[in-house]
N, C-alpha and C. Protein backbone atom coordinates (compact mmCIF):
# COMPACT_ATOMS: atom_id res chain seq x y z
N UNK A 1 89.34 58.29 31.91
CA UNK A 1 88.64 59.01 30.86
C UNK A 1 89.51 59.17 29.62
N UNK A 2 90.79 59.45 29.82
CA UNK A 2 91.70 59.67 28.69
C UNK A 2 92.41 58.40 28.26
N UNK A 3 92.18 57.30 28.93
CA UNK A 3 92.88 56.06 28.65
C UNK A 3 92.57 55.56 27.24
N UNK A 4 93.58 55.19 26.51
CA UNK A 4 93.42 54.60 25.18
C UNK A 4 93.16 55.59 24.07
N UNK A 5 93.41 56.87 24.29
CA UNK A 5 93.19 57.87 23.24
C UNK A 5 94.33 57.85 22.24
N UNK A 6 94.01 58.06 20.99
CA UNK A 6 95.04 58.18 19.97
C UNK A 6 95.43 59.65 19.83
N UNK A 7 96.56 59.89 19.20
CA UNK A 7 97.07 61.25 19.03
C UNK A 7 96.10 62.03 18.13
N UNK A 8 95.94 63.31 18.44
CA UNK A 8 95.05 64.23 17.71
C UNK A 8 93.59 63.80 17.79
N UNK A 9 93.21 63.21 18.90
CA UNK A 9 91.81 62.86 19.11
C UNK A 9 91.26 63.65 20.29
N UNK A 10 89.94 63.63 20.41
CA UNK A 10 89.28 64.41 21.46
C UNK A 10 88.13 63.60 22.03
N UNK A 11 87.97 63.69 23.33
CA UNK A 11 86.84 63.08 24.01
C UNK A 11 86.18 64.13 24.88
N UNK A 12 84.87 63.99 25.05
CA UNK A 12 84.18 64.91 25.95
C UNK A 12 83.07 64.17 26.67
N UNK A 13 82.70 64.71 27.84
CA UNK A 13 81.61 64.14 28.62
C UNK A 13 81.01 65.24 29.48
N UNK A 14 79.76 65.01 29.86
CA UNK A 14 79.07 65.95 30.73
C UNK A 14 79.14 65.38 32.14
N UNK A 15 79.58 66.23 33.07
CA UNK A 15 79.75 65.83 34.47
C UNK A 15 78.80 66.66 35.31
N UNK A 16 78.11 66.01 36.25
CA UNK A 16 77.22 66.70 37.16
C UNK A 16 77.84 66.71 38.55
N UNK A 17 77.87 67.90 39.13
CA UNK A 17 78.43 68.03 40.47
C UNK A 17 77.72 69.17 41.19
N UNK A 18 77.15 68.89 42.35
CA UNK A 18 76.45 69.89 43.15
C UNK A 18 75.36 70.62 42.36
N UNK A 19 74.56 69.85 41.62
CA UNK A 19 73.46 70.38 40.80
C UNK A 19 73.94 71.35 39.72
N UNK A 20 75.18 71.24 39.32
CA UNK A 20 75.73 72.02 38.21
C UNK A 20 76.23 71.06 37.14
N UNK A 21 76.19 71.50 35.90
CA UNK A 21 76.62 70.68 34.78
C UNK A 21 77.88 71.27 34.17
N UNK A 22 78.84 70.40 33.91
CA UNK A 22 80.11 70.80 33.30
C UNK A 22 80.38 69.90 32.11
N UNK A 23 80.99 70.48 31.08
CA UNK A 23 81.47 69.67 29.97
C UNK A 23 82.98 69.59 30.10
N UNK A 24 83.45 68.38 30.14
CA UNK A 24 84.89 68.13 30.28
C UNK A 24 85.38 67.60 28.93
N UNK A 25 86.36 68.27 28.38
CA UNK A 25 86.92 67.88 27.08
C UNK A 25 88.41 67.66 27.25
N UNK A 26 88.89 66.57 26.66
CA UNK A 26 90.31 66.28 26.73
C UNK A 26 90.80 65.94 25.32
N UNK A 27 91.96 66.47 24.98
CA UNK A 27 92.57 66.23 23.67
C UNK A 27 93.98 65.72 23.88
N UNK A 28 94.38 64.81 23.02
CA UNK A 28 95.75 64.29 23.07
C UNK A 28 96.49 64.82 21.85
N UNK A 29 97.62 65.48 22.11
CA UNK A 29 98.41 66.03 21.01
C UNK A 29 99.84 65.50 21.10
N UNK A 30 100.50 65.50 19.98
CA UNK A 30 101.88 65.02 19.91
C UNK A 30 102.81 66.22 19.79
N UNK A 31 103.67 66.38 20.79
CA UNK A 31 104.72 67.39 20.69
C UNK A 31 105.93 66.71 20.05
N UNK A 32 107.04 67.36 20.01
CA UNK A 32 108.21 66.83 19.31
C UNK A 32 108.59 65.44 19.82
N UNK A 33 108.70 65.28 21.12
CA UNK A 33 109.19 64.01 21.64
C UNK A 33 108.19 63.25 22.50
N UNK A 34 107.10 63.88 22.88
CA UNK A 34 106.16 63.17 23.75
C UNK A 34 104.73 63.63 23.50
N UNK A 35 103.79 62.83 23.99
CA UNK A 35 102.37 63.16 23.89
C UNK A 35 101.95 63.94 25.12
N UNK A 36 101.04 64.89 24.89
CA UNK A 36 100.50 65.69 25.98
C UNK A 36 98.98 65.70 25.89
N UNK A 37 98.37 65.92 27.03
CA UNK A 37 96.92 66.03 27.11
C UNK A 37 96.54 67.46 27.46
N UNK A 38 95.52 67.95 26.80
CA UNK A 38 94.96 69.26 27.11
C UNK A 38 93.53 69.03 27.57
N UNK A 39 93.22 69.51 28.76
CA UNK A 39 91.89 69.30 29.32
C UNK A 39 91.24 70.64 29.62
N UNK A 40 89.95 70.76 29.27
CA UNK A 40 89.18 71.95 29.61
C UNK A 40 87.89 71.52 30.28
N UNK A 41 87.43 72.35 31.18
CA UNK A 41 86.16 72.13 31.86
C UNK A 41 85.39 73.44 31.82
N UNK A 42 84.17 73.39 31.27
CA UNK A 42 83.34 74.59 31.15
C UNK A 42 81.99 74.34 31.81
N UNK A 43 81.48 75.37 32.46
CA UNK A 43 80.18 75.30 33.11
C UNK A 43 79.08 75.47 32.05
N UNK A 44 78.22 74.48 31.93
CA UNK A 44 77.12 74.54 30.96
C UNK A 44 75.77 74.43 31.65
N UNK A 45 75.72 74.82 32.91
CA UNK A 45 74.48 74.76 33.68
C UNK A 45 73.38 75.58 33.02
N UNK A 46 73.73 76.71 32.44
CA UNK A 46 72.73 77.57 31.81
C UNK A 46 72.06 76.87 30.62
N UNK A 47 72.79 76.03 29.92
CA UNK A 47 72.21 75.29 28.79
C UNK A 47 71.11 74.36 29.30
N UNK A 48 71.37 73.67 30.38
CA UNK A 48 70.39 72.75 30.94
C UNK A 48 69.21 73.49 31.55
N UNK A 49 69.45 74.61 32.20
CA UNK A 49 68.33 75.37 32.77
C UNK A 49 67.47 75.98 31.66
N UNK A 50 68.09 76.44 30.57
CA UNK A 50 67.33 76.94 29.42
C UNK A 50 66.49 75.82 28.80
N UNK A 51 67.08 74.64 28.68
CA UNK A 51 66.34 73.50 28.14
C UNK A 51 65.13 73.18 28.99
N UNK A 52 65.29 73.17 30.30
CA UNK A 52 64.17 72.89 31.19
C UNK A 52 63.08 73.96 31.06
N UNK A 53 63.49 75.22 30.94
CA UNK A 53 62.53 76.31 30.79
C UNK A 53 61.75 76.16 29.49
N UNK A 54 62.45 75.84 28.39
CA UNK A 54 61.77 75.68 27.11
C UNK A 54 60.85 74.48 27.11
N UNK A 55 61.20 73.42 27.81
CA UNK A 55 60.31 72.26 27.92
C UNK A 55 59.04 72.63 28.67
N UNK A 56 59.16 73.44 29.71
CA UNK A 56 57.98 73.88 30.46
C UNK A 56 57.09 74.76 29.59
N UNK A 57 57.69 75.69 28.87
CA UNK A 57 56.93 76.55 27.96
C UNK A 57 56.22 75.72 26.91
N UNK A 58 56.91 74.75 26.35
CA UNK A 58 56.33 73.87 25.33
C UNK A 58 55.12 73.13 25.89
N UNK A 59 55.22 72.65 27.12
CA UNK A 59 54.11 71.92 27.73
C UNK A 59 52.89 72.83 27.89
N UNK A 60 53.09 74.08 28.34
CA UNK A 60 51.98 75.01 28.48
C UNK A 60 51.35 75.33 27.12
N UNK A 61 52.18 75.52 26.11
CA UNK A 61 51.65 75.79 24.77
C UNK A 61 50.87 74.59 24.25
N UNK A 62 51.39 73.40 24.47
CA UNK A 62 50.71 72.19 24.02
C UNK A 62 49.35 72.03 24.70
N UNK A 63 49.29 72.30 25.99
CA UNK A 63 48.01 72.21 26.71
C UNK A 63 47.04 73.27 26.18
N UNK A 64 47.54 74.48 25.92
CA UNK A 64 46.69 75.53 25.37
C UNK A 64 46.13 75.18 24.01
N UNK A 65 46.97 74.64 23.15
CA UNK A 65 46.53 74.24 21.82
C UNK A 65 45.51 73.11 21.91
N UNK A 66 45.73 72.16 22.81
CA UNK A 66 44.79 71.05 22.97
C UNK A 66 43.43 71.55 23.46
N UNK A 67 43.44 72.49 24.41
CA UNK A 67 42.17 73.05 24.89
C UNK A 67 41.45 73.83 23.79
N UNK A 68 42.20 74.62 23.04
CA UNK A 68 41.61 75.39 21.94
C UNK A 68 41.02 74.45 20.88
N UNK A 69 41.76 73.39 20.56
CA UNK A 69 41.26 72.42 19.57
C UNK A 69 40.01 71.72 20.08
N UNK A 70 39.96 71.43 21.37
CA UNK A 70 38.78 70.78 21.94
C UNK A 70 37.56 71.69 21.84
N UNK A 71 37.75 72.96 22.14
CA UNK A 71 36.64 73.92 22.05
C UNK A 71 36.15 74.04 20.61
N UNK A 72 37.10 74.14 19.67
CA UNK A 72 36.72 74.19 18.25
C UNK A 72 35.98 72.93 17.82
N UNK A 73 36.41 71.80 18.31
CA UNK A 73 35.76 70.53 17.97
C UNK A 73 34.31 70.52 18.45
N UNK A 74 34.07 70.99 19.65
CA UNK A 74 32.71 71.04 20.18
C UNK A 74 31.85 72.00 19.35
N UNK A 75 32.40 73.16 19.03
CA UNK A 75 31.64 74.15 18.25
C UNK A 75 31.30 73.59 16.86
N UNK A 76 32.28 73.01 16.19
CA UNK A 76 32.02 72.48 14.85
C UNK A 76 31.07 71.29 14.88
N UNK A 77 31.16 70.48 15.90
CA UNK A 77 30.23 69.34 15.96
C UNK A 77 28.80 69.83 16.18
N UNK A 78 28.62 70.88 16.98
CA UNK A 78 27.28 71.46 17.15
C UNK A 78 26.77 72.05 15.83
N UNK A 79 27.66 72.76 15.11
CA UNK A 79 27.24 73.35 13.84
C UNK A 79 26.91 72.28 12.80
N UNK A 80 27.69 71.22 12.78
CA UNK A 80 27.46 70.18 11.77
C UNK A 80 26.23 69.33 12.08
N UNK A 81 25.89 69.18 13.33
CA UNK A 81 24.72 68.35 13.68
C UNK A 81 23.44 69.15 13.80
N UNK A 82 23.50 70.47 13.70
CA UNK A 82 22.30 71.31 13.81
C UNK A 82 21.24 70.93 12.76
N UNK A 83 21.59 70.72 11.48
CA UNK A 83 20.54 70.33 10.51
C UNK A 83 19.91 68.98 10.86
N UNK A 84 20.67 68.06 11.41
CA UNK A 84 20.10 66.78 11.79
C UNK A 84 19.14 66.93 12.97
N UNK A 85 19.47 67.79 13.91
CA UNK A 85 18.57 68.04 15.04
C UNK A 85 17.28 68.69 14.55
N UNK A 86 17.38 69.62 13.60
CA UNK A 86 16.19 70.27 13.05
C UNK A 86 15.33 69.25 12.31
N UNK A 87 15.96 68.36 11.57
CA UNK A 87 15.25 67.32 10.83
C UNK A 87 14.54 66.38 11.81
N UNK A 88 15.20 66.03 12.89
CA UNK A 88 14.59 65.16 13.89
C UNK A 88 13.40 65.84 14.54
N UNK A 89 13.56 67.13 14.88
CA UNK A 89 12.45 67.85 15.50
C UNK A 89 11.27 67.98 14.53
N UNK A 90 11.55 68.21 13.26
CA UNK A 90 10.47 68.34 12.25
C UNK A 90 9.77 67.01 12.08
N UNK A 91 10.50 65.93 12.13
CA UNK A 91 9.85 64.62 11.94
C UNK A 91 9.01 64.24 13.15
N UNK A 92 9.32 64.72 14.32
CA UNK A 92 8.51 64.47 15.52
C UNK A 92 7.18 65.20 15.44
N UNK A 93 7.20 66.38 14.85
CA UNK A 93 5.96 67.18 14.73
C UNK A 93 5.05 66.52 13.74
């Protein structure tokens, strides 16, 4: 993972282990006489669980909006075609 890094650079990656997500970051720094690596690993499982929750909420909202729009479409189509239905009925008489 750290192979080929230049001094004062940083790499990061997301690692999955046991259904948990971690971000692993490694930095290469130059001390007086040698290069050193600094590595950190942080648990970011909550970020992924929040993302999944928001995706689920978004899907429910999208379905609700689609149903509401469909109902409005039916209502408006009935209102817009009512004069034509009346005209058809009058012409039959």
